[in-house]
Amino acid sequence: MSALHPPSVRVRNVVGQDMPDLLRLDREVFLDDPMPHSILRQFVDMFADHLLVAEDEDGRLCAYVLATPPHRGRSWIVSLGVASAMRRRGLAEQLMRESLENLRTEGAHTVLLWVEPTNKPATALYDSLGFVPDREGPRPDHFGPGADRILMTLHTTP
């Protein structure tokens, strides 16, 4: 789809038939807290236009980014995941850039996300894209016991 992606990777919107591969990928990336099948299924059904997937040369999903459609100028990045074998190739950055551009085009002026304070690669990526951490700092147990999160915000330009 984009010349910025490695030639062996194709980025596209999710389709319903991707569910088994998307579940596998989500469970691989988020070992301790993958999305339940029913929740991921609903995200695919509701937000297919905002769920980008990357597939490798064998057609297997190797990364995804899920955003919400803009509502009153605000969108959320719900999840970003890259298979361990595909990390450190710029794929997460490219998925984020493509998703953010789509959101800007659709009228998002603010994009928000939650990140684990200990996830330094993700925090560095979001910093490089212009996201700013909330002044409150980490919010203890925000996603449940022991699941602290930092709110990060990006103010987009038209």
N, C-alpha and C. Protein backbone atom coordinates (compact mmCIF):
# COMPACT_ATOMS: atom_id res chain seq x y z
N MET A 1 0.81 -1.18 0.00
CA MET A 1 0.00 0.00 0.00
C MET A 1 0.86 1.26 0.00
N SER A 2 1.97 1.23 0.73
CA SER A 2 2.83 2.40 0.83
C SER A 2 4.27 2.00 0.55
N ALA A 3 5.00 2.90 -0.11
CA ALA A 3 6.40 2.63 -0.43
C ALA A 3 7.27 2.60 0.82
N LEU A 4 6.75 3.10 1.95
CA LEU A 4 7.54 3.15 3.17
C LEU A 4 7.65 1.79 3.86
N HIS A 5 6.78 0.87 3.51
CA HIS A 5 6.80 -0.44 4.14
C HIS A 5 7.85 -1.32 3.47
N PRO A 6 8.45 -2.24 4.24
CA PRO A 6 9.35 -3.19 3.60
C PRO A 6 8.61 -3.91 2.49
N PRO A 7 9.29 -4.26 1.39
CA PRO A 7 8.61 -4.87 0.25
C PRO A 7 7.87 -6.16 0.61
N SER A 8 8.29 -6.83 1.67
CA SER A 8 7.65 -8.10 2.02
C SER A 8 6.41 -7.92 2.90
N VAL A 9 6.05 -6.67 3.21
CA VAL A 9 4.91 -6.40 4.09
C VAL A 9 3.87 -5.58 3.33
N ARG A 10 2.62 -5.99 3.47
CA ARG A 10 1.51 -5.25 2.85
C ARG A 10 0.58 -4.77 3.96
N VAL A 11 0.22 -3.49 3.93
CA VAL A 11 -0.69 -2.91 4.93
C VAL A 11 -2.05 -2.71 4.27
N ARG A 12 -3.09 -3.08 5.01
CA ARG A 12 -4.46 -2.96 4.50
C ARG A 12 -5.41 -2.89 5.67
N ASN A 13 -6.67 -2.63 5.38
CA ASN A 13 -7.70 -2.68 6.42
C ASN A 13 -8.03 -4.13 6.73
N VAL A 14 -8.43 -4.37 7.95
CA VAL A 14 -8.82 -5.71 8.38
C VAL A 14 -10.10 -6.13 7.64
N VAL A 15 -10.26 -7.42 7.47
CA VAL A 15 -11.51 -8.01 6.97
C VAL A 15 -11.91 -9.11 7.94
N GLY A 16 -13.18 -9.48 7.92
CA GLY A 16 -13.69 -10.48 8.86
C GLY A 16 -12.93 -11.78 8.85
N GLN A 17 -12.44 -12.19 7.69
CA GLN A 17 -11.70 -13.46 7.58
C GLN A 17 -10.35 -13.42 8.29
N ASP A 18 -9.93 -12.24 8.72
CA ASP A 18 -8.65 -12.11 9.44
C ASP A 18 -8.74 -12.52 10.90
N MET A 19 -9.95 -12.76 11.40
CA MET A 19 -10.14 -13.01 12.84
C MET A 19 -9.20 -14.06 13.42
N PRO A 20 -9.08 -15.26 12.84
CA PRO A 20 -8.18 -16.25 13.46
C PRO A 20 -6.74 -15.75 13.55
N ASP A 21 -6.25 -15.13 12.49
CA ASP A 21 -4.88 -14.63 12.47
C ASP A 21 -4.72 -13.44 13.41
N LEU A 22 -5.73 -12.59 13.48
CA LEU A 22 -5.68 -11.44 14.38
C LEU A 22 -5.68 -11.88 15.84
N LEU A 23 -6.49 -12.87 16.16
CA LEU A 23 -6.49 -13.43 17.52
C LEU A 23 -5.13 -14.02 17.87
N ARG A 24 -4.56 -14.78 16.93
CA ARG A 24 -3.23 -15.37 17.16
C ARG A 24 -2.21 -14.28 17.42
N LEU A 25 -2.22 -13.24 16.59
CA LEU A 25 -1.26 -12.15 16.73
C LEU A 25 -1.45 -11.42 18.06
N ASP A 26 -2.68 -11.10 18.41
CA ASP A 26 -2.94 -10.40 19.67
C ASP A 26 -2.48 -11.22 20.86
N ARG A 27 -2.69 -12.52 20.81
CA ARG A 27 -2.26 -13.40 21.92
C ARG A 27 -0.74 -13.51 21.98
N GLU A 28 -0.09 -13.46 20.82
CA GLU A 28 1.37 -13.50 20.80
C GLU A 28 1.96 -12.21 21.37
N VAL A 29 1.39 -11.09 20.98
CA VAL A 29 1.94 -9.79 21.38
C VAL A 29 1.62 -9.47 22.83
N PHE A 30 0.40 -9.76 23.25
CA PHE A 30 -0.05 -9.41 24.60
C PHE A 30 -0.28 -10.68 25.40
N LEU A 31 0.80 -11.40 25.67
CA LEU A 31 0.75 -12.70 26.34
C LEU A 31 -0.06 -12.67 27.63
N ASP A 32 0.16 -11.66 28.45
CA ASP A 32 -0.47 -11.61 29.77
C ASP A 32 -1.89 -11.06 29.76
N ASP A 33 -2.26 -10.37 28.69
CA ASP A 33 -3.58 -9.73 28.69
C ASP A 33 -4.13 -9.55 27.27
N PRO A 34 -4.31 -10.65 26.53
CA PRO A 34 -4.87 -10.50 25.18
C PRO A 34 -6.35 -10.13 25.24
N MET A 35 -6.83 -9.56 24.16
CA MET A 35 -8.26 -9.22 24.09
C MET A 35 -9.09 -10.49 23.99
N PRO A 36 -10.21 -10.54 24.69
CA PRO A 36 -11.12 -11.68 24.50
C PRO A 36 -11.63 -11.70 23.05
N HIS A 37 -11.89 -12.89 22.56
CA HIS A 37 -12.38 -13.07 21.20
C HIS A 37 -13.58 -12.17 20.92
N SER A 38 -14.52 -12.13 21.85
CA SER A 38 -15.76 -11.36 21.63
C SER A 38 -15.48 -9.86 21.48
N ILE A 39 -14.54 -9.35 22.24
CA ILE A 39 -14.21 -7.91 22.16
C ILE A 39 -13.49 -7.61 20.84
N LEU A 40 -12.51 -8.44 20.50
CA LEU A 40 -11.79 -8.23 19.25
C LEU A 40 -12.74 -8.35 18.06
N ARG A 41 -13.65 -9.30 18.12
CA ARG A 41 -14.64 -9.47 17.04
C ARG A 41 -15.48 -8.19 16.88
N GLN A 42 -15.91 -7.63 18.00
CA GLN A 42 -16.70 -6.40 17.93
C GLN A 42 -15.89 -5.24 17.37
N PHE A 43 -14.62 -5.15 17.74
CA PHE A 43 -13.77 -4.10 17.18
C PHE A 43 -13.66 -4.26 15.66
N VAL A 44 -13.49 -5.49 15.20
CA VAL A 44 -13.42 -5.74 13.75
C VAL A 44 -14.72 -5.32 13.09
N ASP A 45 -15.84 -5.70 13.69
CA ASP A 45 -17.15 -5.35 13.11
C ASP A 45 -17.41 -3.85 13.13
N MET A 46 -17.06 -3.18 14.21
CA MET A 46 -17.39 -1.76 14.36
C MET A 46 -16.37 -0.82 13.72
N PHE A 47 -15.09 -1.20 13.75
CA PHE A 47 -14.04 -0.27 13.37
C PHE A 47 -13.13 -0.80 12.26
N ALA A 48 -13.66 -1.60 11.35
CA ALA A 48 -12.83 -2.18 10.28
C ALA A 48 -12.09 -1.10 9.49
N ASP A 49 -12.72 0.05 9.31
CA ASP A 49 -12.07 1.13 8.57
C ASP A 49 -10.93 1.77 9.35
N HIS A 50 -10.82 1.45 10.63
CA HIS A 50 -9.80 2.05 11.48
C HIS A 50 -8.87 1.00 12.10
N LEU A 51 -8.94 -0.21 11.58
CA LEU A 51 -8.06 -1.28 12.05
C LEU A 51 -7.19 -1.69 10.88
N LEU A 52 -5.93 -1.22 10.90
CA LEU A 52 -4.98 -1.56 9.86
C LEU A 52 -4.19 -2.79 10.28
N VAL A 53 -3.97 -3.69 9.32
CA VAL A 53 -3.16 -4.87 9.58
C VAL A 53 -2.02 -4.90 8.57
N ALA A 54 -0.93 -5.51 8.98
CA ALA A 54 0.20 -5.74 8.08
C ALA A 54 0.35 -7.24 7.93
N GLU A 55 0.53 -7.68 6.70
CA GLU A 55 0.73 -9.11 6.47
C GLU A 55 2.08 -9.32 5.81
N ASP A 56 2.72 -10.44 6.17
CA ASP A 56 4.04 -10.75 5.62
C ASP A 56 3.88 -11.39 4.24
N GLU A 57 5.01 -11.79 3.67
CA GLU A 57 5.00 -12.36 2.32
C GLU A 57 4.20 -13.66 2.22
N ASP A 58 3.97 -14.32 3.36
CA ASP A 58 3.17 -15.54 3.38
C ASP A 58 1.69 -15.26 3.64
N GLY A 59 1.33 -13.98 3.76
CA GLY A 59 -0.06 -13.61 4.00
C GLY A 59 -0.50 -13.69 5.45
N ARG A 60 0.46 -13.91 6.36
CA ARG A 60 0.13 -13.97 7.79
C ARG A 60 0.20 -12.57 8.38
N LEU A 61 -0.76 -12.27 9.25
CA LEU A 61 -0.73 -10.97 9.92
C LEU A 61 0.47 -10.89 10.85
N CYS A 62 1.19 -9.78 10.78
CA CYS A 62 2.38 -9.62 11.62
C CYS A 62 2.31 -8.34 12.46
N ALA A 63 1.29 -7.51 12.24
CA ALA A 63 1.15 -6.28 13.03
C ALA A 63 -0.24 -5.71 12.80
N TYR A 64 -0.66 -4.89 13.77
CA TYR A 64 -1.94 -4.19 13.60
C TYR A 64 -1.96 -2.95 14.46
N VAL A 65 -2.82 -2.01 14.06
CA VAL A 65 -3.13 -0.84 14.88
C VAL A 65 -4.63 -0.62 14.80
N LEU A 66 -5.24 -0.41 15.96
CA LEU A 66 -6.68 -0.20 16.06
C LEU A 66 -6.94 1.19 16.62
N ALA A 67 -7.70 1.98 15.88
CA ALA A 67 -8.08 3.33 16.33
C ALA A 67 -9.60 3.43 16.32
N THR A 68 -10.10 4.40 17.06
CA THR A 68 -11.54 4.68 17.00
C THR A 68 -11.77 5.78 15.98
N PRO A 69 -12.93 5.79 15.35
CA PRO A 69 -13.25 6.88 14.44
C PRO A 69 -13.32 8.20 15.21
N PRO A 70 -13.01 9.31 14.56
CA PRO A 70 -13.11 10.59 15.25
C PRO A 70 -14.54 10.87 15.71
N HIS A 71 -14.65 11.34 16.93
CA HIS A 71 -15.93 11.78 17.49
C HIS A 71 -15.67 13.12 18.16
N ARG A 72 -16.32 14.16 17.62
CA ARG A 72 -16.10 15.52 18.11
C ARG A 72 -14.62 15.90 18.07
N GLY A 73 -13.94 15.42 17.02
CA GLY A 73 -12.54 15.76 16.82
C GLY A 73 -11.54 14.93 17.60
N ARG A 74 -12.02 13.93 18.35
CA ARG A 74 -11.12 13.10 19.16
C ARG A 74 -11.16 11.64 18.71
N SER A 75 -10.00 11.02 18.71
CA SER A 75 -9.87 9.59 18.43
C SER A 75 -8.94 8.97 19.46
N TRP A 76 -9.06 7.67 19.58
CA TRP A 76 -8.18 6.91 20.48
C TRP A 76 -7.44 5.85 19.68
N ILE A 77 -6.18 5.65 20.01
CA ILE A 77 -5.46 4.46 19.56
C ILE A 77 -5.73 3.42 20.64
N VAL A 78 -6.44 2.38 20.29
CA VAL A 78 -6.84 1.36 21.26
C VAL A 78 -5.74 0.34 21.46
N SER A 79 -5.09 -0.04 20.37
CA SER A 79 -4.07 -1.09 20.48
C SER A 79 -3.12 -1.02 19.29
N LEU A 80 -1.86 -1.32 19.56
CA LEU A 80 -0.83 -1.43 18.53
C LEU A 80 -0.01 -2.65 18.89
N GLY A 81 0.11 -3.58 17.96
CA GLY A 81 0.86 -4.80 18.23
C GLY A 81 1.68 -5.23 17.03
N VAL A 82 2.91 -5.67 17.29
CA VAL A 82 3.80 -6.17 16.24
C VAL A 82 4.37 -7.50 16.70
N ALA A 83 4.31 -8.50 15.84
CA ALA A 83 4.87 -9.82 16.15
C ALA A 83 6.36 -9.67 16.47
N SER A 84 6.83 -10.47 17.41
CA SER A 84 8.22 -10.33 17.86
C SER A 84 9.21 -10.46 16.71
N ALA A 85 8.95 -11.32 15.75
CA ALA A 85 9.87 -11.52 14.63
C ALA A 85 9.94 -10.32 13.69
N MET A 86 8.96 -9.41 13.79
CA MET A 86 8.90 -8.26 12.88
C MET A 86 9.25 -6.94 13.56
N ARG A 87 9.67 -7.00 14.81
CA ARG A 87 9.99 -5.77 15.53
C ARG A 87 11.32 -5.18 15.07
N ARG A 88 11.49 -3.89 15.37
CA ARG A 88 12.70 -3.13 15.05
C ARG A 88 12.93 -3.00 13.54
N ARG A 89 11.84 -2.97 12.80
CA ARG A 89 11.90 -2.76 11.35
C ARG A 89 11.13 -1.52 10.93
N GLY A 90 10.63 -0.76 11.91
CA GLY A 90 9.88 0.45 11.61
C GLY A 90 8.42 0.22 11.29
N LEU A 91 7.95 -1.01 11.48
CA LEU A 91 6.57 -1.34 11.12
C LEU A 91 5.56 -0.65 12.03
N ALA A 92 5.83 -0.61 13.33
CA ALA A 92 4.91 0.07 14.25
C ALA A 92 4.81 1.55 13.90
N GLU A 93 5.93 2.16 13.61
CA GLU A 93 5.92 3.58 13.24
C GLU A 93 5.11 3.81 11.97
N GLN A 94 5.31 2.96 10.98
CA GLN A 94 4.59 3.13 9.72
C GLN A 94 3.08 2.93 9.89
N LEU A 95 2.70 1.93 10.68
CA LEU A 95 1.27 1.72 10.95
C LEU A 95 0.68 2.93 11.67
N MET A 96 1.41 3.43 12.66
CA MET A 96 0.93 4.60 13.39
C MET A 96 0.81 5.82 12.47
N ARG A 97 1.82 6.06 11.66
CA ARG A 97 1.78 7.22 10.77
C ARG A 97 0.59 7.12 9.80
N GLU A 98 0.37 5.94 9.26
CA GLU A 98 -0.74 5.76 8.33
C GLU A 98 -2.08 5.95 9.04
N SER A 99 -2.19 5.39 10.23
CA SER A 99 -3.43 5.53 11.00
C SER A 99 -3.66 6.99 11.37
N LEU A 100 -2.63 7.67 11.84
CA LEU A 100 -2.77 9.08 12.22
C LEU A 100 -3.15 9.96 11.03
N GLU A 101 -2.58 9.68 9.88
CA GLU A 101 -2.94 10.44 8.68
C GLU A 101 -4.40 10.21 8.32
N ASN A 102 -4.86 8.97 8.41
CA ASN A 102 -6.27 8.68 8.15
C ASN A 102 -7.16 9.43 9.14
N LEU A 103 -6.78 9.43 10.40
CA LEU A 103 -7.58 10.12 11.42
C LEU A 103 -7.62 11.63 11.18
N ARG A 104 -6.47 12.21 10.83
CA ARG A 104 -6.43 13.65 10.51
C ARG A 104 -7.38 13.96 9.35
N THR A 105 -7.30 13.15 8.31
CA THR A 105 -8.15 13.35 7.14
C THR A 105 -9.63 13.29 7.50
N GLU A 106 -9.96 12.47 8.49
CA GLU A 106 -11.35 12.31 8.91
C GLU A 106 -11.78 13.33 9.97
N GLY A 107 -10.88 14.23 10.33
CA GLY A 107 -11.26 15.31 11.23
C GLY A 107 -10.81 15.18 12.67
N ALA A 108 -9.92 14.25 12.98
CA ALA A 108 -9.41 14.15 14.35
C ALA A 108 -8.42 15.28 14.61
N HIS A 109 -8.67 16.03 15.66
CA HIS A 109 -7.76 17.10 16.08
C HIS A 109 -6.92 16.66 17.28
N THR A 110 -7.42 15.65 17.98
CA THR A 110 -6.74 15.12 19.15
C THR A 110 -6.79 13.60 19.08
N VAL A 111 -5.63 12.98 19.31
CA VAL A 111 -5.56 11.52 19.36
C VAL A 111 -4.94 11.16 20.70
N LEU A 112 -5.59 10.23 21.40
CA LEU A 112 -5.14 9.83 22.74
C LEU A 112 -4.83 8.34 22.75
N LEU A 113 -4.00 7.95 23.71
CA LEU A 113 -3.71 6.54 23.91
C LEU A 113 -3.19 6.33 25.33
N TRP A 114 -3.29 5.09 25.78
CA TRP A 114 -2.71 4.68 27.06
C TRP A 114 -1.50 3.80 26.78
N VAL A 115 -0.45 3.96 27.57
CA VAL A 115 0.75 3.14 27.40
C VAL A 115 1.26 2.72 28.78
N GLU A 116 1.82 1.51 28.82
CA GLU A 116 2.45 1.03 30.06
C GLU A 116 3.70 1.86 30.33
N PRO A 117 3.88 2.34 31.55
CA PRO A 117 5.08 3.13 31.86
C PRO A 117 6.38 2.36 31.62
N THR A 118 6.35 1.04 31.74
CA THR A 118 7.56 0.24 31.56
C THR A 118 7.83 -0.12 30.10
N ASN A 119 6.91 0.19 29.20
CA ASN A 119 7.08 -0.15 27.79
C ASN A 119 7.86 0.98 27.10
N LYS A 120 9.16 0.96 27.30
CA LYS A 120 10.03 2.04 26.79
C LYS A 120 10.03 2.14 25.27
N PRO A 121 10.05 1.02 24.52
CA PRO A 121 10.00 1.16 23.06
C PRO A 121 8.72 1.86 22.59
N ALA A 122 7.58 1.51 23.17
CA ALA A 122 6.32 2.14 22.78
C ALA A 122 6.32 3.62 23.16
N THR A 123 6.76 3.92 24.37
CA THR A 123 6.80 5.31 24.82
C THR A 123 7.71 6.14 23.92
N ALA A 124 8.86 5.59 23.54
CA ALA A 124 9.77 6.31 22.65
C ALA A 124 9.14 6.53 21.28
N LEU A 125 8.43 5.52 20.77
CA LEU A 125 7.75 5.67 19.49
C LEU A 125 6.72 6.79 19.56
N TYR A 126 5.88 6.75 20.57
CA TYR A 126 4.83 7.77 20.70
C TYR A 126 5.43 9.17 20.88
N ASP A 127 6.52 9.26 21.65
CA ASP A 127 7.22 10.55 21.79
C ASP A 127 7.68 11.06 20.42
N SER A 128 8.26 10.16 19.62
CA SER A 128 8.79 10.55 18.31
C SER A 128 7.69 11.00 17.35
N LEU A 129 6.47 10.54 17.59
CA LEU A 129 5.34 10.92 16.74
C LEU A 129 4.65 12.20 17.23
N GLY A 130 5.12 12.73 18.36
CA GLY A 130 4.57 13.98 18.88
C GLY A 130 3.57 13.84 20.02
N PHE A 131 3.35 12.61 20.49
CA PHE A 131 2.47 12.43 21.65
C PHE A 131 3.15 12.97 22.90
N VAL A 132 2.37 13.56 23.77
CA VAL A 132 2.88 14.15 25.01
C VAL A 132 2.23 13.44 26.19
N PRO A 133 3.05 13.01 27.17
CA PRO A 133 2.46 12.36 28.35
C PRO A 133 1.68 13.35 29.21
N ASP A 134 0.61 12.87 29.79
CA ASP A 134 -0.22 13.66 30.68
C ASP A 134 0.59 14.06 31.91
N ARG A 135 0.34 15.25 32.43
CA ARG A 135 1.08 15.75 33.59
C ARG A 135 0.85 14.93 34.85
N GLU A 136 -0.26 14.21 34.90
CA GLU A 136 -0.54 13.39 36.08
C GLU A 136 0.44 12.23 36.23
N GLY A 137 1.12 11.88 35.15
CA GLY A 137 2.04 10.76 35.20
C GLY A 137 1.29 9.44 35.21
N PRO A 138 1.97 8.37 35.61
CA PRO A 138 1.33 7.05 35.60
C PRO A 138 0.10 7.01 36.52
N ARG A 139 -0.93 6.38 36.03
CA ARG A 139 -2.15 6.20 36.82
C ARG A 139 -2.17 4.77 37.32
N PRO A 140 -1.97 4.61 38.63
CA PRO A 140 -1.89 3.26 39.21
C PRO A 140 -3.16 2.46 38.96
N ASP A 141 -2.96 1.21 38.58
CA ASP A 141 -4.05 0.24 38.43
C ASP A 141 -5.13 0.69 37.45
N HIS A 142 -4.80 1.55 36.51
CA HIS A 142 -5.82 2.08 35.59
C HIS A 142 -6.51 0.99 34.78
N PHE A 143 -5.76 -0.02 34.37
CA PHE A 143 -6.33 -1.13 33.61
C PHE A 143 -6.51 -2.37 34.48
N GLY A 144 -6.53 -2.19 35.79
CA GLY A 144 -6.68 -3.30 36.73
C GLY A 144 -5.49 -3.36 37.65
N PRO A 145 -5.54 -4.25 38.65
CA PRO A 145 -4.45 -4.35 39.62
C PRO A 145 -3.09 -4.56 38.94
N GLY A 146 -2.17 -3.66 39.25
CA GLY A 146 -0.82 -3.75 38.71
C GLY A 146 -0.68 -3.28 37.27
N ALA A 147 -1.76 -2.82 36.66
CA ALA A 147 -1.73 -2.39 35.26
C ALA A 147 -1.77 -0.86 35.18
N ASP A 148 -0.64 -0.26 35.56
CA ASP A 148 -0.52 1.20 35.50
C ASP A 148 -0.46 1.65 34.05
N ARG A 149 -0.92 2.87 33.79
CA ARG A 149 -0.89 3.41 32.44
C ARG A 149 -0.62 4.91 32.49
N ILE A 150 -0.01 5.39 31.40
CA ILE A 150 0.20 6.82 31.18
C ILE A 150 -0.68 7.23 30.01
N LEU A 151 -1.40 8.32 30.16
CA LEU A 151 -2.19 8.88 29.07
C LEU A 151 -1.29 9.77 28.23
N MET A 152 -1.29 9.55 26.92
CA MET A 152 -0.51 10.39 26.01
C MET A 152 -1.46 10.99 24.98
N THR A 153 -1.17 12.24 24.61
CA THR A 153 -2.05 12.98 23.71
C THR A 153 -1.25 13.59 22.56
N LEU A 154 -1.83 13.54 21.38
CA LEU A 154 -1.27 14.19 20.20
C LEU A 154 -2.31 15.17 19.68
N HIS A 155 -1.90 16.42 19.53
CA HIS A 155 -2.77 17.43 18.91
C HIS A 155 -2.34 17.52 17.46
N THR A 156 -3.22 17.13 16.57
CA THR A 156 -2.90 17.09 15.15
C THR A 156 -3.13 18.46 14.53
N THR A 157 -2.54 18.65 13.38
CA THR A 157 -2.76 19.88 12.63
C THR A 157 -3.59 19.54 11.40
N PRO A 158 -4.44 20.47 10.97
CA PRO A 158 -5.30 20.19 9.81
C PRO A 158 -4.51 19.96 8.54
